[in-house]
Amino acid sequence: MQTERRVRLFKNGRSQALRIPKDFELPGDEAVIRKEGALLIVKPLKHPSLLALLATLEPLDEDFPDVDEGLMPPNDIEL
């Protein structure tokens, strides 16, 4: 894989843009861009998986209502 490649800059509305060649493609659909002197640093934004996010939550210490209370049993329902 190449580590350097020449690209063209262009205007997109009021923003300057560039096309990222396929061999430099970033994963995901968002990135963070940072300027360090004359360099632009582009890093893919990693979103945690839903399971990782849920693992950070504290357990709930409350009772939930019985949602089946007062419902007819399934065999008593007539169509």
PDB file of N, CA and C in Angstrom:
ATOM      1  N   MET A   1       0.836  -1.182   0.000  1.00  0.00           N
ATOM      2  CA  MET A   1       0.000   0.000   0.000  1.00  0.00           C
ATOM      3  C   MET A   1       0.878   1.242   0.000  1.00  0.00           C
ATOM      4  N   GLN A   2       0.510   2.209  -0.806  1.00  0.00           N
ATOM      5  CA  GLN A   2       1.257   3.461  -0.870  1.00  0.00           C
ATOM      6  C   GLN A   2       1.026   4.263   0.408  1.00  0.00           C
ATOM      7  N   THR A   3       2.027   5.033   0.803  1.00  0.00           N
ATOM      8  CA  THR A   3       1.867   5.888   1.975  1.00  0.00           C
ATOM      9  C   THR A   3       1.717   7.350   1.591  1.00  0.00           C
ATOM     10  N   GLU A   4       1.892   7.650   0.319  1.00  0.00           N
ATOM     11  CA  GLU A   4       1.762   9.022  -0.147  1.00  0.00           C
ATOM     12  C   GLU A   4       1.206   9.027  -1.561  1.00  0.00           C
ATOM     13  N   ARG A   5       0.346  10.003  -1.835  1.00  0.00           N
ATOM     14  CA  ARG A   5      -0.241  10.092  -3.166  1.00  0.00           C
ATOM     15  C   ARG A   5      -0.660  11.530  -3.425  1.00  0.00           C
ATOM     16  N   ARG A   6      -0.505  11.977  -4.643  1.00  0.00           N
ATOM     17  CA  ARG A   6      -0.887  13.330  -5.015  1.00  0.00           C
ATOM     18  C   ARG A   6      -2.371  13.348  -5.357  1.00  0.00           C
ATOM     19  N   VAL A   7      -3.114  14.338  -4.807  1.00  0.00           N
ATOM     20  CA  VAL A   7      -4.542  14.484  -5.083  1.00  0.00           C
ATOM     21  C   VAL A   7      -4.836  15.937  -5.433  1.00  0.00           C
ATOM     22  N   ARG A   8      -5.974  16.146  -6.094  1.00  0.00           N
ATOM     23  CA  ARG A   8      -6.393  17.503  -6.443  1.00  0.00           C
ATOM     24  C   ARG A   8      -7.397  18.009  -5.414  1.00  0.00           C
ATOM     25  N   LEU A   9      -7.290  19.289  -5.125  1.00  0.00           N
ATOM     26  CA  LEU A   9      -8.239  19.951  -4.247  1.00  0.00           C
ATOM     27  C   LEU A   9      -9.289  20.637  -5.111  1.00  0.00           C
ATOM     28  N   PHE A  10     -10.519  20.739  -4.607  1.00  0.00           N
ATOM     29  CA  PHE A  10     -11.569  21.418  -5.350  1.00  0.00           C
ATOM     30  C   PHE A  10     -12.523  22.090  -4.368  1.00  0.00           C
ATOM     31  N   LYS A  11     -13.356  22.982  -4.872  1.00  0.00           N
ATOM     32  CA  LYS A  11     -14.342  23.666  -4.046  1.00  0.00           C
ATOM     33  C   LYS A  11     -15.653  22.891  -4.097  1.00  0.00           C
ATOM     34  N   ASN A  12     -16.285  22.780  -2.941  1.00  0.00           N
ATOM     35  CA  ASN A  12     -17.606  22.168  -2.826  1.00  0.00           C
ATOM     36  C   ASN A  12     -18.440  23.167  -2.020  1.00  0.00           C
ATOM     37  N   GLY A  13     -19.188  24.020  -2.730  1.00  0.00           N
ATOM     38  CA  GLY A  13     -19.871  25.117  -2.054  1.00  0.00           C
ATOM     39  C   GLY A  13     -18.832  26.080  -1.521  1.00  0.00           C
ATOM     40  N   ARG A  14     -18.882  26.363  -0.227  1.00  0.00           N
ATOM     41  CA  ARG A  14     -17.906  27.279   0.395  1.00  0.00           C
ATOM     42  C   ARG A  14     -16.748  26.516   1.035  1.00  0.00           C
ATOM     43  N   SER A  15     -16.736  25.199   0.913  1.00  0.00           N
ATOM     44  CA  SER A  15     -15.686  24.379   1.523  1.00  0.00           C
ATOM     45  C   SER A  15     -14.691  23.883   0.481  1.00  0.00           C
ATOM     46  N   GLN A  16     -13.469  23.653   0.925  1.00  0.00           N
ATOM     47  CA  GLN A  16     -12.478  23.010   0.074  1.00  0.00           C
ATOM     48  C   GLN A  16     -12.559  21.511   0.343  1.00  0.00           C
ATOM     49  N   ALA A  17     -12.421  20.712  -0.683  1.00  0.00           N
ATOM     50  CA  ALA A  17     -12.552  19.261  -0.537  1.00  0.00           C
ATOM     51  C   ALA A  17     -11.482  18.557  -1.345  1.00  0.00           C
ATOM     52  N   LEU A  18     -11.343  17.271  -1.089  1.00  0.00           N
ATOM     53  CA  LEU A  18     -10.469  16.424  -1.894  1.00  0.00           C
ATOM     54  C   LEU A  18     -11.087  15.038  -1.950  1.00  0.00           C
ATOM     55  N   ARG A  19     -10.788  14.322  -2.995  1.00  0.00           N
ATOM     56  CA  ARG A  19     -11.256  12.939  -3.115  1.00  0.00           C
ATOM     57  C   ARG A  19     -10.195  12.041  -2.480  1.00  0.00           C
ATOM     58  N   ILE A  20     -10.667  11.142  -1.638  1.00  0.00           N
ATOM     59  CA  ILE A  20      -9.742  10.206  -0.994  1.00  0.00           C
ATOM     60  C   ILE A  20      -9.644   8.972  -1.884  1.00  0.00           C
ATOM     61  N   PRO A  21      -8.454   8.657  -2.385  1.00  0.00           N
ATOM     62  CA  PRO A  21      -8.297   7.474  -3.241  1.00  0.00           C
ATOM     63  C   PRO A  21      -8.689   6.192  -2.500  1.00  0.00           C
ATOM     64  N   LYS A  22      -9.140   5.187  -3.240  1.00  0.00           N
ATOM     65  CA  LYS A  22      -9.626   3.941  -2.660  1.00  0.00           C
ATOM     66  C   LYS A  22      -8.615   3.305  -1.708  1.00  0.00           C
ATOM     67  N   ASP A  23      -7.328   3.351  -2.061  1.00  0.00           N
ATOM     68  CA  ASP A  23      -6.340   2.705  -1.189  1.00  0.00           C
ATOM     69  C   ASP A  23      -6.073   3.492   0.101  1.00  0.00           C
ATOM     70  N   PHE A  24      -6.690   4.672   0.257  1.00  0.00           N
ATOM     71  CA  PHE A  24      -6.603   5.446   1.493  1.00  0.00           C
ATOM     72  C   PHE A  24      -7.962   5.531   2.190  1.00  0.00           C
ATOM     73  N   GLU A  25      -8.925   4.770   1.717  1.00  0.00           N
ATOM     74  CA  GLU A  25     -10.296   4.831   2.228  1.00  0.00           C
ATOM     75  C   GLU A  25     -10.336   4.582   3.736  1.00  0.00           C
ATOM     76  N   LEU A  26     -11.169   5.375   4.431  1.00  0.00           N
ATOM     77  CA  LEU A  26     -11.328   5.249   5.878  1.00  0.00           C
ATOM     78  C   LEU A  26     -12.578   4.438   6.190  1.00  0.00           C
ATOM     79  N   PRO A  27     -12.574   3.686   7.287  1.00  0.00           N
ATOM     80  CA  PRO A  27     -13.782   2.949   7.669  1.00  0.00           C
ATOM     81  C   PRO A  27     -14.828   3.911   8.236  1.00  0.00           C
ATOM     82  N   GLY A  28     -16.087   3.508   8.159  1.00  0.00           N
ATOM     83  CA  GLY A  28     -17.160   4.301   8.750  1.00  0.00           C
ATOM     84  C   GLY A  28     -17.630   5.431   7.868  1.00  0.00           C
ATOM     85  N   ASP A  29     -18.417   6.333   8.463  1.00  0.00           N
ATOM     86  CA  ASP A  29     -18.963   7.443   7.679  1.00  0.00           C
ATOM     87  C   ASP A  29     -18.688   8.810   8.331  1.00  0.00           C
ATOM     88  N   GLU A  30     -17.834   8.838   9.367  1.00  0.00           N
ATOM     89  CA  GLU A  30     -17.459  10.094  10.002  1.00  0.00           C
ATOM     90  C   GLU A  30     -15.972  10.066  10.327  1.00  0.00           C
ATOM     91  N   ALA A  31     -15.381  11.258  10.369  1.00  0.00           N
ATOM     92  CA  ALA A  31     -13.964  11.378  10.713  1.00  0.00           C
ATOM     93  C   ALA A  31     -13.754  12.659  11.506  1.00  0.00           C
ATOM     94  N   VAL A  32     -12.615  12.748  12.170  1.00  0.00           N
ATOM     95  CA  VAL A  32     -12.195  13.948  12.883  1.00  0.00           C
ATOM     96  C   VAL A  32     -11.006  14.508  12.121  1.00  0.00           C
ATOM     97  N   ILE A  33     -11.019  15.814  11.885  1.00  0.00           N
ATOM     98  CA  ILE A  33      -9.918  16.450  11.169  1.00  0.00           C
ATOM     99  C   ILE A  33      -9.252  17.457  12.109  1.00  0.00           C
ATOM    100  N   ARG A  34      -7.915  17.507  12.068  1.00  0.00           N
ATOM    101  CA  ARG A  34      -7.150  18.383  12.946  1.00  0.00           C
ATOM    102  C   ARG A  34      -5.991  18.966  12.141  1.00  0.00           C
ATOM    103  N   LYS A  35      -5.679  20.218  12.392  1.00  0.00           N
ATOM    104  CA  LYS A  35      -4.564  20.862  11.697  1.00  0.00           C
ATOM    105  C   LYS A  35      -3.395  20.998  12.657  1.00  0.00           C
ATOM    106  N   GLU A  36      -2.229  20.517  12.219  1.00  0.00           N
ATOM    107  CA  GLU A  36      -0.983  20.647  12.979  1.00  0.00           C
ATOM    108  C   GLU A  36       0.031  21.312  12.062  1.00  0.00           C
ATOM    109  N   GLY A  37       0.225  22.604  12.224  1.00  0.00           N
ATOM    110  CA  GLY A  37       1.108  23.351  11.329  1.00  0.00           C
ATOM    111  C   GLY A  37       0.536  23.323   9.921  1.00  0.00           C
ATOM    112  N   ALA A  38       1.313  22.868   8.962  1.00  0.00           N
ATOM    113  CA  ALA A  38       0.854  22.773   7.574  1.00  0.00           C
ATOM    114  C   ALA A  38       0.192  21.428   7.283  1.00  0.00           C
ATOM    115  N   LEU A  39       0.131  20.523   8.266  1.00  0.00           N
ATOM    116  CA  LEU A  39      -0.449  19.194   8.063  1.00  0.00           C
ATOM    117  C   LEU A  39      -1.914  19.153   8.457  1.00  0.00           C
ATOM    118  N   LEU A  40      -2.696  18.387   7.717  1.00  0.00           N
ATOM    119  CA  LEU A  40      -4.063  18.067   8.111  1.00  0.00           C
ATOM    120  C   LEU A  40      -4.076  16.601   8.514  1.00  0.00           C
ATOM    121  N   ILE A  41      -4.566  16.309   9.689  1.00  0.00           N
ATOM    122  CA  ILE A  41      -4.643  14.938  10.199  1.00  0.00           C
ATOM    123  C   ILE A  41      -6.114  14.529  10.160  1.00  0.00           C
ATOM    124  N   VAL A  42      -6.416  13.435   9.477  1.00  0.00           N
ATOM    125  CA  VAL A  42      -7.791  12.935   9.382  1.00  0.00           C
ATOM    126  C   VAL A  42      -7.828  11.551  10.014  1.00  0.00           C
ATOM    127  N   LYS A  43      -8.677  11.383  11.030  1.00  0.00           N
ATOM    128  CA  LYS A  43      -8.797  10.099  11.730  1.00  0.00           C
ATOM    129  C   LYS A  43     -10.247   9.641  11.678  1.00  0.00           C
ATOM    130  N   PRO A  44     -10.473   8.365  11.384  1.00  0.00           N
ATOM    131  CA  PRO A  44     -11.853   7.868  11.393  1.00  0.00           C
ATOM    132  C   PRO A  44     -12.424   7.958  12.805  1.00  0.00           C
ATOM    133  N   LEU A  45     -13.705   8.282  12.894  1.00  0.00           N
ATOM    134  CA  LEU A  45     -14.389   8.357  14.174  1.00  0.00           C
ATOM    135  C   LEU A  45     -14.987   6.993  14.461  1.00  0.00           C
ATOM    136  N   LYS A  46     -14.544   6.405  15.563  1.00  0.00           N
ATOM    137  CA  LYS A  46     -15.023   5.071  15.913  1.00  0.00           C
ATOM    138  C   LYS A  46     -16.180   5.190  16.890  1.00  0.00           C
ATOM    139  N   HIS A  47     -17.320   4.664  16.504  1.00  0.00           N
ATOM    140  CA  HIS A  47     -18.473   4.626  17.393  1.00  0.00           C
ATOM    141  C   HIS A  47     -18.435   3.302  18.141  1.00  0.00           C
ATOM    142  N   PRO A  48     -18.658   3.335  19.453  1.00  0.00           N
ATOM    143  CA  PRO A  48     -18.680   2.057  20.182  1.00  0.00           C
ATOM    144  C   PRO A  48     -19.872   1.218  19.736  1.00  0.00           C
ATOM    145  N   SER A  49     -19.723  -0.091  19.824  1.00  0.00           N
ATOM    146  CA  SER A  49     -20.844  -0.964  19.480  1.00  0.00           C
ATOM    147  C   SER A  49     -21.945  -0.775  20.515  1.00  0.00           C
ATOM    148  N   LEU A  50     -23.157  -1.167  20.175  1.00  0.00           N
ATOM    149  CA  LEU A  50     -24.272  -1.049  21.103  1.00  0.00           C
ATOM    150  C   LEU A  50     -23.996  -1.839  22.372  1.00  0.00           C
ATOM    151  N   LEU A  51     -23.407  -3.037  22.252  1.00  0.00           N
ATOM    152  CA  LEU A  51     -23.104  -3.841  23.434  1.00  0.00           C
ATOM    153  C   LEU A  51     -22.085  -3.143  24.334  1.00  0.00           C
ATOM    154  N   ALA A  52     -21.085  -2.503  23.746  1.00  0.00           N
ATOM    155  CA  ALA A  52     -20.082  -1.785  24.536  1.00  0.00           C
ATOM    156  C   ALA A  52     -20.720  -0.600  25.245  1.00  0.00           C
ATOM    157  N   LEU A  53     -21.614   0.092  24.566  1.00  0.00           N
ATOM    158  CA  LEU A  53     -22.309   1.226  25.166  1.00  0.00           C
ATOM    159  C   LEU A  53     -23.203   0.764  26.312  1.00  0.00           C
ATOM    160  N   LEU A  54     -23.967  -0.307  26.103  1.00  0.00           N
ATOM    161  CA  LEU A  54     -24.853  -0.823  27.149  1.00  0.00           C
ATOM    162  C   LEU A  54     -24.063  -1.304  28.368  1.00  0.00           C
ATOM    163  N   ALA A  55     -22.870  -1.819  28.147  1.00  0.00           N
ATOM    164  CA  ALA A  55     -22.046  -2.305  29.253  1.00  0.00           C
ATOM    165  C   ALA A  55     -21.603  -1.175  30.177  1.00  0.00           C
ATOM    166  N   THR A  56     -21.617   0.068  29.705  1.00  0.00           N
ATOM    167  CA  THR A  56     -21.211   1.202  30.533  1.00  0.00           C
ATOM    168  C   THR A  56     -22.339   1.723  31.407  1.00  0.00           C
ATOM    169  N   LEU A  57     -23.573   1.294  31.168  1.00  0.00           N
ATOM    170  CA  LEU A  57     -24.723   1.788  31.925  1.00  0.00           C
ATOM    171  C   LEU A  57     -24.857   1.082  33.266  1.00  0.00           C
ATOM    172  N   GLU A  58     -25.308   1.833  34.258  1.00  0.00           N
ATOM    173  CA  GLU A  58     -25.559   1.270  35.582  1.00  0.00           C
ATOM    174  C   GLU A  58     -26.883   0.508  35.557  1.00  0.00           C
ATOM    175  N   PRO A  59     -26.993  -0.584  36.316  1.00  0.00           N
ATOM    176  CA  PRO A  59     -28.260  -1.314  36.370  1.00  0.00           C
ATOM    177  C   PRO A  59     -29.347  -0.458  37.037  1.00  0.00           C
ATOM    178  N   LEU A  60     -30.590  -0.683  36.636  1.00  0.00           N
ATOM    179  CA  LEU A  60     -31.723   0.032  37.219  1.00  0.00           C
ATOM    180  C   LEU A  60     -32.181  -0.685  38.474  1.00  0.00           C
ATOM    181  N   ASP A  61     -32.399   0.070  39.546  1.00  0.00           N
ATOM    182  CA  ASP A  61     -32.878  -0.506  40.799  1.00  0.00           C
ATOM    183  C   ASP A  61     -34.334  -0.103  41.025  1.00  0.00           C
ATOM    184  N   GLU A  62     -35.208  -0.479  40.127  1.00  0.00           N
ATOM    185  CA  GLU A  62     -36.627  -0.182  40.286  1.00  0.00           C
ATOM    186  C   GLU A  62     -37.451  -1.342  39.749  1.00  0.00           C
ATOM    187  N   ASP A  63     -38.638  -1.464  40.286  1.00  0.00           N
ATOM    188  CA  ASP A  63     -39.536  -2.519  39.827  1.00  0.00           C
ATOM    189  C   ASP A  63     -40.335  -2.011  38.637  1.00  0.00           C
ATOM    190  N   PHE A  64     -40.482  -2.855  37.666  1.00  0.00           N
ATOM    191  CA  PHE A  64     -41.281  -2.511  36.504  1.00  0.00           C
ATOM    192  C   PHE A  64     -42.674  -3.105  36.670  1.00  0.00           C
ATOM    193  N   PRO A  65     -43.704  -2.422  36.179  1.00  0.00           N
ATOM    194  CA  PRO A  65     -45.061  -2.952  36.322  1.00  0.00           C
ATOM    195  C   PRO A  65     -45.243  -4.231  35.509  1.00  0.00           C
ATOM    196  N   ASP A  66     -46.157  -5.050  35.962  1.00  0.00           N
ATOM    197  CA  ASP A  66     -46.486  -6.281  35.241  1.00  0.00           C
ATOM    198  C   ASP A  66     -47.374  -5.903  34.063  1.00  0.00           C
ATOM    199  N   VAL A  67     -46.828  -5.924  32.877  1.00  0.00           N
ATOM    200  CA  VAL A  67     -47.586  -5.489  31.698  1.00  0.00           C
ATOM    201  C   VAL A  67     -48.638  -6.510  31.286  1.00  0.00           C
ATOM    202  N   ASP A  68     -48.551  -7.733  31.780  1.00  0.00           N
ATOM    203  CA  ASP A  68     -49.545  -8.760  31.448  1.00  0.00           C
ATOM    204  C   ASP A  68     -50.746  -8.729  32.402  1.00  0.00           C
ATOM    205  N   GLU A  69     -50.667  -7.968  33.461  1.00  0.00           N
ATOM    206  CA  GLU A  69     -51.738  -7.935  34.457  1.00  0.00           C
ATOM    207  C   GLU A  69     -53.030  -7.412  33.825  1.00  0.00           C
ATOM    208  N   GLY A  70     -54.112  -8.173  34.007  1.00  0.00           N
ATOM    209  CA  GLY A  70     -55.418  -7.765  33.487  1.00  0.00           C
ATOM    210  C   GLY A  70     -55.687  -8.192  32.053  1.00  0.00           C
ATOM    211  N   LEU A  71     -54.739  -8.808  31.403  1.00  0.00           N
ATOM    212  CA  LEU A  71     -54.968  -9.266  30.033  1.00  0.00           C
ATOM    213  C   LEU A  71     -55.644 -10.625  30.039  1.00  0.00           C
ATOM    214  N   MET A  72     -56.431 -10.878  28.995  1.00  0.00           N
ATOM    215  CA  MET A  72     -57.067 -12.191  28.861  1.00  0.00           C
ATOM    216  C   MET A  72     -56.011 -13.212  28.478  1.00  0.00           C
ATOM    217  N   PRO A  73     -56.116 -14.435  28.997  1.00  0.00           N
ATOM    218  CA  PRO A  73     -55.186 -15.477  28.566  1.00  0.00           C
ATOM    219  C   PRO A  73     -55.356 -15.734  27.061  1.00  0.00           C
ATOM    220  N   PRO A  74     -54.313 -16.106  26.350  1.00  0.00           N
ATOM    221  CA  PRO A  74     -54.379 -16.301  24.895  1.00  0.00           C
ATOM    222  C   PRO A  74     -55.465 -17.270  24.446  1.00  0.00           C
ATOM    223  N   ASN A  75     -55.774 -18.338  25.219  1.00  0.00           N
ATOM    224  CA  ASN A  75     -56.768 -19.314  24.752  1.00  0.00           C
ATOM    225  C   ASN A  75     -58.203 -18.795  24.916  1.00  0.00           C
ATOM    226  N   ASP A  76     -58.433 -17.659  25.567  1.00  0.00           N
ATOM    227  CA  ASP A  76     -59.776 -17.084  25.730  1.00  0.00           C
ATOM    228  C   ASP A  76     -60.104 -16.057  24.655  1.00  0.00           C
ATOM    229  N   ILE A  77     -59.179 -15.782  23.760  1.00  0.00           N
ATOM    230  CA  ILE A  77     -59.419 -14.774  22.736  1.00  0.00           C
ATOM    231  C   ILE A  77     -60.120 -15.427  21.548  1.00  0.00           C
ATOM    232  N   GLU A  78     -61.234 -14.803  21.121  1.00  0.00           N
ATOM    233  CA  GLU A  78     -61.988 -15.337  19.964  1.00  0.00           C
ATOM    234  C   GLU A  78     -61.715 -14.421  18.766  1.00  0.00           C
ATOM    235  N   LEU A  79     -61.565 -15.040  17.616  1.00  0.00           N
ATOM    236  CA  LEU A  79     -61.332 -14.264  16.398  1.00  0.00           C
ATOM    237  C   LEU A  79     -62.623 -14.079  15.636  1.00  0.00           C
TER     238      LEU A  79
END
